Amino acid sequence: MRVVLIVLQWTGIVFIGHALMLIGADEITTLERGRILTVRSLQQILVLYGADPAAIPAIGGISAVVLGWPGWAILAVLGGIIWWISRYLESV
C-alpha cells in the first residue's frame, strides 16, 4: 500500500510540474509574439505530443469543452487532486 501512495504522490507532483512548464511555455510564446496573449488548449498540447484528440469519445459534448480549456490548468487541477488524495489516504 505504501508503494501505491508514493506512486500517486509522485504522479501528482509530475502533473503539477508539467503544468508549470506549460504555463511557462505559454508566457514565453506570449512575449515572442509581441505580448499577444497565447494560451494553448489541451487539444493543442495533445497534438504537439502526437496524440489524436479526435480519438477521445464525445460524452455529450463534454470532451470538446474540456479539450478547449488551457492545458496547464487541467494538468494542475488533476495533479493537485491526485496529490491531495494520496496525502489523505496516507493519513488514514
PDB file of N, CA and C in Angstrom:
ATOM      1  N   MET A   1       0.834  -1.206   0.000  1.00  0.00           N
ATOM      2  CA  MET A   1       0.000   0.000   0.000  1.00  0.00           C
ATOM      3  C   MET A   1       0.868   1.256   0.000  1.00  0.00           C
ATOM      4  N   ARG A   2       1.960   1.210   0.737  1.00  0.00           N
ATOM      5  CA  ARG A   2       2.854   2.362   0.829  1.00  0.00           C
ATOM      6  C   ARG A   2       3.423   2.746  -0.540  1.00  0.00           C
ATOM      7  N   VAL A   3       3.757   1.734  -1.338  1.00  0.00           N
ATOM      8  CA  VAL A   3       4.325   1.991  -2.669  1.00  0.00           C
ATOM      9  C   VAL A   3       3.290   2.682  -3.556  1.00  0.00           C
ATOM     10  N   VAL A   4       2.038   2.258  -3.459  1.00  0.00           N
ATOM     11  CA  VAL A   4       0.976   2.870  -4.258  1.00  0.00           C
ATOM     12  C   VAL A   4       0.815   4.342  -3.885  1.00  0.00           C
ATOM     13  N   LEU A   5       0.873   4.663  -2.611  1.00  0.00           N
ATOM     14  CA  LEU A   5       0.752   6.055  -2.173  1.00  0.00           C
ATOM     15  C   LEU A   5       1.910   6.902  -2.676  1.00  0.00           C
ATOM     16  N   ILE A   6       3.102   6.328  -2.652  1.00  0.00           N
ATOM     17  CA  ILE A   6       4.270   7.073  -3.148  1.00  0.00           C
ATOM     18  C   ILE A   6       4.144   7.320  -4.650  1.00  0.00           C
ATOM     19  N   VAL A   7       3.689   6.315  -5.390  1.00  0.00           N
ATOM     20  CA  VAL A   7       3.497   6.477  -6.833  1.00  0.00           C
ATOM     21  C   VAL A   7       2.442   7.543  -7.104  1.00  0.00           C
ATOM     22  N   LEU A   8       1.335   7.531  -6.346  1.00  0.00           N
ATOM     23  CA  LEU A   8       0.302   8.557  -6.520  1.00  0.00           C
ATOM     24  C   LEU A   8       0.843   9.953  -6.226  1.00  0.00           C
ATOM     25  N   GLN A   9       1.616  10.080  -5.144  1.00  0.00           N
ATOM     26  CA  GLN A   9       2.178  11.391  -4.808  1.00  0.00           C
ATOM     27  C   GLN A   9       3.095  11.897  -5.907  1.00  0.00           C
ATOM     28  N   TRP A  10       3.951  11.036  -6.417  1.00  0.00           N
ATOM     29  CA  TRP A  10       4.862  11.453  -7.471  1.00  0.00           C
ATOM     30  C   TRP A  10       4.138  11.744  -8.767  1.00  0.00           C
ATOM     31  N   THR A  11       3.081  10.998  -9.050  1.00  0.00           N
ATOM     32  CA  THR A  11       2.281  11.280 -10.244  1.00  0.00           C
ATOM     33  C   THR A  11       1.661  12.670 -10.150  1.00  0.00           C
ATOM     34  N   GLY A  12       1.110  13.007  -8.991  1.00  0.00           N
ATOM     35  CA  GLY A  12       0.549  14.340  -8.785  1.00  0.00           C
ATOM     36  C   GLY A  12       1.593  15.426  -8.945  1.00  0.00           C
ATOM     37  N   ILE A  13       2.779  15.183  -8.384  1.00  0.00           N
ATOM     38  CA  ILE A  13       3.854  16.174  -8.486  1.00  0.00           C
ATOM     39  C   ILE A  13       4.311  16.346  -9.935  1.00  0.00           C
ATOM     40  N   VAL A  14       4.390  15.244 -10.677  1.00  0.00           N
ATOM     41  CA  VAL A  14       4.788  15.319 -12.090  1.00  0.00           C
ATOM     42  C   VAL A  14       3.750  16.101 -12.902  1.00  0.00           C
ATOM     43  N   PHE A  15       2.455  15.861 -12.633  1.00  0.00           N
ATOM     44  CA  PHE A  15       1.408  16.617 -13.321  1.00  0.00           C
ATOM     45  C   PHE A  15       1.526  18.111 -13.023  1.00  0.00           C
ATOM     46  N   ILE A  16       1.749  18.454 -11.772  1.00  0.00           N
ATOM     47  CA  ILE A  16       1.875  19.865 -11.393  1.00  0.00           C
ATOM     48  C   ILE A  16       3.116  20.476 -12.037  1.00  0.00           C
ATOM     49  N   GLY A  17       4.215  19.742 -12.027  1.00  0.00           N
ATOM     50  CA  GLY A  17       5.430  20.234 -12.674  1.00  0.00           C
ATOM     51  C   GLY A  17       5.242  20.445 -14.164  1.00  0.00           C
ATOM     52  N   HIS A  18       4.537  19.534 -14.799  1.00  0.00           N
ATOM     53  CA  HIS A  18       4.270  19.673 -16.228  1.00  0.00           C
ATOM     54  C   HIS A  18       3.368  20.882 -16.494  1.00  0.00           C
ATOM     55  N   ALA A  19       2.409  21.114 -15.610  1.00  0.00           N
ATOM     56  CA  ALA A  19       1.534  22.289 -15.760  1.00  0.00           C
ATOM     57  C   ALA A  19       2.351  23.572 -15.660  1.00  0.00           C
ATOM     58  N   LEU A  20       3.313  23.601 -14.750  1.00  0.00           N
ATOM     59  CA  LEU A  20       4.170  24.787 -14.624  1.00  0.00           C
ATOM     60  C   LEU A  20       5.009  24.992 -15.885  1.00  0.00           C
ATOM     61  N   MET A  21       5.487  23.895 -16.480  1.00  0.00           N
ATOM     62  CA  MET A  21       6.242  24.025 -17.724  1.00  0.00           C
ATOM     63  C   MET A  21       5.362  24.569 -18.843  1.00  0.00           C
ATOM     64  N   LEU A  22       4.119  24.104 -18.922  1.00  0.00           N
ATOM     65  CA  LEU A  22       3.220  24.570 -19.976  1.00  0.00           C
ATOM     66  C   LEU A  22       2.857  26.043 -19.805  1.00  0.00           C
ATOM     67  N   ILE A  23       2.622  26.482 -18.569  1.00  0.00           N
ATOM     68  CA  ILE A  23       2.296  27.901 -18.366  1.00  0.00           C
ATOM     69  C   ILE A  23       3.512  28.770 -18.678  1.00  0.00           C
ATOM     70  N   GLY A  24       4.703  28.260 -18.395  1.00  0.00           N
ATOM     71  CA  GLY A  24       5.922  28.990 -18.758  1.00  0.00           C
ATOM     72  C   GLY A  24       6.097  29.077 -20.267  1.00  0.00           C
ATOM     73  N   ALA A  25       5.774  27.987 -20.965  1.00  0.00           N
ATOM     74  CA  ALA A  25       5.868  27.991 -22.433  1.00  0.00           C
ATOM     75  C   ALA A  25       4.861  28.960 -23.031  1.00  0.00           C
ATOM     76  N   ASP A  26       3.665  29.018 -22.459  1.00  0.00           N
ATOM     77  CA  ASP A  26       2.663  29.979 -22.942  1.00  0.00           C
ATOM     78  C   ASP A  26       3.132  31.411 -22.712  1.00  0.00           C
ATOM     79  N   GLU A  27       3.771  31.659 -21.588  1.00  0.00           N
ATOM     80  CA  GLU A  27       4.277  33.006 -21.296  1.00  0.00           C
ATOM     81  C   GLU A  27       5.396  33.393 -22.267  1.00  0.00           C
ATOM     82  N   ILE A  28       6.286  32.475 -22.544  1.00  0.00           N
ATOM     83  CA  ILE A  28       7.377  32.758 -23.480  1.00  0.00           C
ATOM     84  C   ILE A  28       6.822  33.028 -24.874  1.00  0.00           C
ATOM     85  N   THR A  29       5.845  32.222 -25.305  1.00  0.00           N
ATOM     86  CA  THR A  29       5.227  32.440 -26.613  1.00  0.00           C
ATOM     87  C   THR A  29       4.525  33.788 -26.659  1.00  0.00           C
ATOM     88  N   THR A  30       3.880  34.181 -25.562  1.00  0.00           N
ATOM     89  CA  THR A  30       3.227  35.488 -25.491  1.00  0.00           C
ATOM     90  C   THR A  30       4.250  36.604 -25.670  1.00  0.00           C
ATOM     91  N   LEU A  31       5.393  36.493 -25.012  1.00  0.00           N
ATOM     92  CA  LEU A  31       6.436  37.515 -25.147  1.00  0.00           C
ATOM     93  C   LEU A  31       7.018  37.537 -26.553  1.00  0.00           C
ATOM     94  N   GLU A  32       7.198  36.359 -27.160  1.00  0.00           N
ATOM     95  CA  GLU A  32       7.751  36.293 -28.516  1.00  0.00           C
ATOM     96  C   GLU A  32       6.814  36.888 -29.554  1.00  0.00           C
ATOM     97  N   ARG A  33       5.527  36.810 -29.325  1.00  0.00           N
ATOM     98  CA  ARG A  33       4.546  37.337 -30.281  1.00  0.00           C
ATOM     99  C   ARG A  33       4.201  38.796 -30.016  1.00  0.00           C
ATOM    100  N   GLY A  34       5.000  39.469 -29.254  1.00  0.00           N
ATOM    101  CA  GLY A  34       4.761  40.891 -29.003  1.00  0.00           C
ATOM    102  C   GLY A  34       3.634  41.134 -28.028  1.00  0.00           C
ATOM    103  N   ARG A  35       3.594  40.354 -26.966  1.00  0.00           N
ATOM    104  CA  ARG A  35       2.599  40.467 -25.895  1.00  0.00           C
ATOM    105  C   ARG A  35       1.169  40.173 -26.339  1.00  0.00           C
ATOM    106  N   ILE A  36       1.033  39.355 -27.386  1.00  0.00           N
ATOM    107  CA  ILE A  36      -0.283  38.852 -27.771  1.00  0.00           C
ATOM    108  C   ILE A  36      -0.503  37.584 -26.961  1.00  0.00           C
ATOM    109  N   LEU A  37      -1.509  37.610 -26.086  1.00  0.00           N
ATOM    110  CA  LEU A  37      -1.732  36.515 -25.149  1.00  0.00           C
ATOM    111  C   LEU A  37      -1.906  35.190 -25.878  1.00  0.00           C
ATOM    112  N   THR A  38      -1.101  34.202 -25.473  1.00  0.00           N
ATOM    113  CA  THR A  38      -1.162  32.871 -26.057  1.00  0.00           C
ATOM    114  C   THR A  38      -1.375  31.854 -24.941  1.00  0.00           C
ATOM    115  N   VAL A  39      -2.481  31.147 -25.013  1.00  0.00           N
ATOM    116  CA  VAL A  39      -2.775  30.076 -24.065  1.00  0.00           C
ATOM    117  C   VAL A  39      -3.160  28.856 -24.881  1.00  0.00           C
ATOM    118  N   ARG A  40      -2.353  27.815 -24.790  1.00  0.00           N
ATOM    119  CA  ARG A  40      -2.618  26.608 -25.573  1.00  0.00           C
ATOM    120  C   ARG A  40      -3.670  25.748 -24.869  1.00  0.00           C
ATOM    121  N   SER A  41      -4.602  25.256 -25.667  1.00  0.00           N
ATOM    122  CA  SER A  41      -5.648  24.385 -25.119  1.00  0.00           C
ATOM    123  C   SER A  41      -5.082  22.973 -24.967  1.00  0.00           C
ATOM    124  N   LEU A  42      -5.824  22.143 -24.254  1.00  0.00           N
ATOM    125  CA  LEU A  42      -5.414  20.745 -24.085  1.00  0.00           C
ATOM    126  C   LEU A  42      -5.349  20.049 -25.433  1.00  0.00           C
ATOM    127  N   GLN A  43      -6.237  20.403 -26.342  1.00  0.00           N
ATOM    128  CA  GLN A  43      -6.217  19.808 -27.671  1.00  0.00           C
ATOM    129  C   GLN A  43      -4.910  20.140 -28.394  1.00  0.00           C
ATOM    130  N   GLN A  44      -4.457  21.387 -28.310  1.00  0.00           N
ATOM    131  CA  GLN A  44      -3.202  21.769 -28.955  1.00  0.00           C
ATOM    132  C   GLN A  44      -2.019  21.046 -28.319  1.00  0.00           C
ATOM    133  N   ILE A  45      -2.046  20.865 -27.011  1.00  0.00           N
ATOM    134  CA  ILE A  45      -0.968  20.158 -26.320  1.00  0.00           C
ATOM    135  C   ILE A  45      -0.929  18.700 -26.766  1.00  0.00           C
ATOM    136  N   LEU A  46      -2.089  18.063 -26.863  1.00  0.00           N
ATOM    137  CA  LEU A  46      -2.137  16.671 -27.311  1.00  0.00           C
ATOM    138  C   LEU A  46      -1.620  16.526 -28.730  1.00  0.00           C
ATOM    139  N   VAL A  47      -1.944  17.481 -29.605  1.00  0.00           N
ATOM    140  CA  VAL A  47      -1.446  17.441 -30.979  1.00  0.00           C
ATOM    141  C   VAL A  47       0.073  17.597 -30.990  1.00  0.00           C
ATOM    142  N   LEU A  48       0.619  18.465 -30.145  1.00  0.00           N
ATOM    143  CA  LEU A  48       2.070  18.627 -30.074  1.00  0.00           C
ATOM    144  C   LEU A  48       2.766  17.338 -29.659  1.00  0.00           C
ATOM    145  N   TYR A  49       2.113  16.552 -28.809  1.00  0.00           N
ATOM    146  CA  TYR A  49       2.679  15.281 -28.353  1.00  0.00           C
ATOM    147  C   TYR A  49       2.414  14.132 -29.315  1.00  0.00           C
ATOM    148  N   GLY A  50       1.688  14.396 -30.382  1.00  0.00           N
ATOM    149  CA  GLY A  50       1.420  13.373 -31.372  1.00  0.00           C
ATOM    150  C   GLY A  50       0.203  12.523 -31.053  1.00  0.00           C
ATOM    151  N   ALA A  51      -0.577  12.895 -30.057  1.00  0.00           N
ATOM    152  CA  ALA A  51      -1.807  12.165 -29.735  1.00  0.00           C
ATOM    153  C   ALA A  51      -2.935  12.689 -30.608  1.00  0.00           C
ATOM    154  N   ASP A  52      -3.944  11.868 -30.799  1.00  0.00           N
ATOM    155  CA  ASP A  52      -5.081  12.244 -31.628  1.00  0.00           C
ATOM    156  C   ASP A  52      -6.265  12.623 -30.741  1.00  0.00           C
ATOM    157  N   PRO A  53      -6.537  13.922 -30.571  1.00  0.00           N
ATOM    158  CA  PRO A  53      -7.659  14.326 -29.724  1.00  0.00           C
ATOM    159  C   PRO A  53      -9.006  13.855 -30.251  1.00  0.00           C
ATOM    160  N   ALA A  54      -9.099  13.558 -31.549  1.00  0.00           N
ATOM    161  CA  ALA A  54     -10.367  13.093 -32.118  1.00  0.00           C
ATOM    162  C   ALA A  54     -10.695  11.685 -31.639  1.00  0.00           C
ATOM    163  N   ALA A  55      -9.700  10.951 -31.113  1.00  0.00           N
ATOM    164  CA  ALA A  55      -9.926   9.592 -30.644  1.00  0.00           C
ATOM    165  C   ALA A  55     -10.626   9.562 -29.287  1.00  0.00           C
ATOM    166  N   ILE A  56     -10.703  10.710 -28.622  1.00  0.00           N
ATOM    167  CA  ILE A  56     -11.373  10.779 -27.327  1.00  0.00           C
ATOM    168  C   ILE A  56     -12.873  10.774 -27.583  1.00  0.00           C
ATOM    169  N   PRO A  57     -13.598   9.818 -26.993  1.00  0.00           N
ATOM    170  CA  PRO A  57     -15.041   9.736 -27.273  1.00  0.00           C
ATOM    171  C   PRO A  57     -15.790  10.943 -26.706  1.00  0.00           C
ATOM    172  N   ALA A  58     -16.730  11.445 -27.499  1.00  0.00           N
ATOM    173  CA  ALA A  58     -17.541  12.584 -27.064  1.00  0.00           C
ATOM    174  C   ALA A  58     -18.657  12.079 -26.151  1.00  0.00           C
ATOM    175  N   ILE A  59     -18.661  12.571 -24.921  1.00  0.00           N
ATOM    176  CA  ILE A  59     -19.692  12.193 -23.960  1.00  0.00           C
ATOM    177  C   ILE A  59     -20.582  13.416 -23.779  1.00  0.00           C
ATOM    178  N   GLY A  60     -21.571  13.524 -24.621  1.00  0.00           N
ATOM    179  CA  GLY A  60     -22.477  14.662 -24.535  1.00  0.00           C
ATOM    180  C   GLY A  60     -21.801  15.997 -24.806  1.00  0.00           C
ATOM    181  N   GLY A  61     -20.732  15.991 -25.588  1.00  0.00           N
ATOM    182  CA  GLY A  61     -20.037  17.228 -25.913  1.00  0.00           C
ATOM    183  C   GLY A  61     -19.077  17.706 -24.837  1.00  0.00           C
ATOM    184  N   ILE A  62     -18.987  16.963 -23.723  1.00  0.00           N
ATOM    185  CA  ILE A  62     -18.114  17.386 -22.622  1.00  0.00           C
ATOM    186  C   ILE A  62     -16.656  17.335 -23.030  1.00  0.00           C
ATOM    187  N   SER A  63     -16.281  16.314 -23.809  1.00  0.00           N
ATOM    188  CA  SER A  63     -14.876  16.200 -24.190  1.00  0.00           C
ATOM    189  C   SER A  63     -14.435  17.389 -25.034  1.00  0.00           C
ATOM    190  N   ALA A  64     -15.313  17.906 -25.889  1.00  0.00           N
ATOM    191  CA  ALA A  64     -14.967  19.072 -26.708  1.00  0.00           C
ATOM    192  C   ALA A  64     -14.754  20.298 -25.833  1.00  0.00           C
ATOM    193  N   VAL A  65     -15.546  20.430 -24.802  1.00  0.00           N
ATOM    194  CA  VAL A  65     -15.394  21.566 -23.892  1.00  0.00           C
ATOM    195  C   VAL A  65     -14.083  21.450 -23.120  1.00  0.00           C
ATOM    196  N   VAL A  66     -13.798  20.260 -22.591  1.00  0.00           N
ATOM    197  CA  VAL A  66     -12.577  20.063 -21.795  1.00  0.00           C
ATOM    198  C   VAL A  66     -11.342  20.235 -22.663  1.00  0.00           C
ATOM    199  N   LEU A  67     -11.386  19.764 -23.904  1.00  0.00           N
ATOM    200  CA  LEU A  67     -10.236  19.919 -24.800  1.00  0.00           C
ATOM    201  C   LEU A  67      -9.968  21.387 -25.124  1.00  0.00           C
ATOM    202  N   GLY A  68     -10.940  22.251 -24.959  1.00  0.00           N
ATOM    203  CA  GLY A  68     -10.762  23.671 -25.218  1.00  0.00           C
ATOM    204  C   GLY A  68     -10.174  24.443 -24.044  1.00  0.00           C
ATOM    205  N   TRP A  69     -10.146  23.830 -22.873  1.00  0.00           N
ATOM    206  CA  TRP A  69      -9.594  24.505 -21.687  1.00  0.00           C
ATOM    207  C   TRP A  69      -8.073  24.573 -21.763  1.00  0.00           C
ATOM    208  N   PRO A  70      -7.455  25.515 -21.042  1.00  0.00           N
ATOM    209  CA  PRO A  70      -5.989  25.588 -21.034  1.00  0.00           C
ATOM    210  C   PRO A  70      -5.372  24.288 -20.521  1.00  0.00           C
ATOM    211  N   GLY A  71      -4.379  23.803 -21.259  1.00  0.00           N
ATOM    212  CA  GLY A  71      -3.736  22.541 -20.893  1.00  0.00           C
ATOM    213  C   GLY A  71      -3.087  22.584 -19.518  1.00  0.00           C
ATOM    214  N   TRP A  72      -2.462  23.717 -19.194  1.00  0.00           N
ATOM    215  CA  TRP A  72      -1.783  23.807 -17.895  1.00  0.00           C
ATOM    216  C   TRP A  72      -2.780  23.761 -16.746  1.00  0.00           C
ATOM    217  N   ALA A  73      -3.969  24.314 -16.936  1.00  0.00           N
ATOM    218  CA  ALA A  73      -4.960  24.331 -15.858  1.00  0.00           C
ATOM    219  C   ALA A  73      -5.478  22.923 -15.575  1.00  0.00           C
ATOM    220  N   ILE A  74      -5.718  22.160 -16.619  1.00  0.00           N
ATOM    221  CA  ILE A  74      -6.226  20.804 -16.435  1.00  0.00           C
ATOM    222  C   ILE A  74      -5.195  19.944 -15.730  1.00  0.00           C
ATOM    223  N   LEU A  75      -3.944  20.026 -16.153  1.00  0.00           N
ATOM    224  CA  LEU A  75      -2.896  19.230 -15.515  1.00  0.00           C
ATOM    225  C   LEU A  75      -2.665  19.662 -14.071  1.00  0.00           C
ATOM    226  N   ALA A  76      -2.738  20.952 -13.793  1.00  0.00           N
ATOM    227  CA  ALA A  76      -2.537  21.429 -12.424  1.00  0.00           C
ATOM    228  C   ALA A  76      -3.661  20.936 -11.510  1.00  0.00           C
ATOM    229  N   VAL A  77      -4.892  20.996 -11.976  1.00  0.00           N
ATOM    230  CA  VAL A  77      -6.016  20.538 -11.160  1.00  0.00           C
ATOM    231  C   VAL A  77      -5.950  19.025 -10.940  1.00  0.00           C
ATOM    232  N   LEU A  78      -5.697  18.269 -12.009  1.00  0.00           N
ATOM    233  CA  LEU A  78      -5.589  16.817 -11.865  1.00  0.00           C
ATOM    234  C   LEU A  78      -4.438  16.437 -10.930  1.00  0.00           C
ATOM    235  N   GLY A  79      -3.300  17.079 -11.108  1.00  0.00           N
ATOM    236  CA  GLY A  79      -2.153  16.795 -10.241  1.00  0.00           C
ATOM    237  C   GLY A  79      -2.438  17.131  -8.795  1.00  0.00           C
ATOM    238  N   GLY A  80      -3.095  18.257  -8.566  1.00  0.00           N
ATOM    239  CA  GLY A  80      -3.434  18.646  -7.202  1.00  0.00           C
ATOM    240  C   GLY A  80      -4.401  17.676  -6.554  1.00  0.00           C
ATOM    241  N   ILE A  81      -5.390  17.219  -7.319  1.00  0.00           N
ATOM    242  CA  ILE A  81      -6.363  16.266  -6.779  1.00  0.00           C
ATOM    243  C   ILE A  81      -5.695  14.931  -6.469  1.00  0.00           C
ATOM    244  N   ILE A  82      -4.876  14.432  -7.392  1.00  0.00           N
ATOM    245  CA  ILE A  82      -4.184  13.167  -7.163  1.00  0.00           C
ATOM    246  C   ILE A  82      -3.278  13.265  -5.948  1.00  0.00           C
ATOM    247  N   TRP A  83      -2.521  14.348  -5.833  1.00  0.00           N
ATOM    248  CA  TRP A  83      -1.620  14.526  -4.700  1.00  0.00           C
ATOM    249  C   TRP A  83      -2.402  14.621  -3.395  1.00  0.00           C
ATOM    250  N   TRP A  84      -3.492  15.373  -3.406  1.00  0.00           N
ATOM    251  CA  TRP A  84      -4.292  15.543  -2.189  1.00  0.00           C
ATOM    252  C   TRP A  84      -4.901  14.212  -1.747  1.00  0.00           C
ATOM    253  N   ILE A  85      -5.417  13.441  -2.699  1.00  0.00           N
ATOM    254  CA  ILE A  85      -5.984  12.130  -2.354  1.00  0.00           C
ATOM    255  C   ILE A  85      -4.922  11.216  -1.760  1.00  0.00           C
ATOM    256  N   SER A  86      -3.734  11.217  -2.337  1.00  0.00           N
ATOM    257  CA  SER A  86      -2.664  10.345  -1.815  1.00  0.00           C
ATOM    258  C   SER A  86      -2.273  10.781  -0.393  1.00  0.00           C
ATOM    259  N   ARG A  87      -2.210  12.067  -0.145  1.00  0.00           N
ATOM    260  CA  ARG A  87      -1.873  12.541   1.203  1.00  0.00           C
ATOM    261  C   ARG A  87      -2.987  12.201   2.204  1.00  0.00           C
ATOM    262  N   TYR A  88      -4.236  12.299   1.748  1.00  0.00           N
ATOM    263  CA  TYR A  88      -5.362  11.954   2.613  1.00  0.00           C
ATOM    264  C   TYR A  88      -5.342  10.464   2.963  1.00  0.00           C
ATOM    265  N   LEU A  89      -5.110   9.620   1.951  1.00  0.00           N
ATOM    266  CA  LEU A  89      -5.068   8.176   2.189  1.00  0.00           C
ATOM    267  C   LEU A  89      -3.891   7.779   3.086  1.00  0.00           C
ATOM    268  N   GLU A  90      -2.819   8.540   2.991  1.00  0.00           N
ATOM    269  CA  GLU A  90      -1.649   8.246   3.825  1.00  0.00           C
ATOM    270  C   GLU A  90      -1.939   8.545   5.301  1.00  0.00           C
ATOM    271  N   SER A  91      -2.763   9.543   5.557  1.00  0.00           N
ATOM    272  CA  SER A  91      -3.055   9.929   6.938  1.00  0.00           C
ATOM    273  C   SER A  91      -4.125   9.051   7.586  1.00  0.00           C
ATOM    274  N   VAL A  92      -4.859   8.303   6.760  1.00  0.00           N
ATOM    275  CA  VAL A  92      -5.940   7.452   7.302  1.00  0.00           C
ATOM    276  C   VAL A  92      -5.389   6.158   7.836  1.00  0.00           C
TER     277      VAL A  92
END
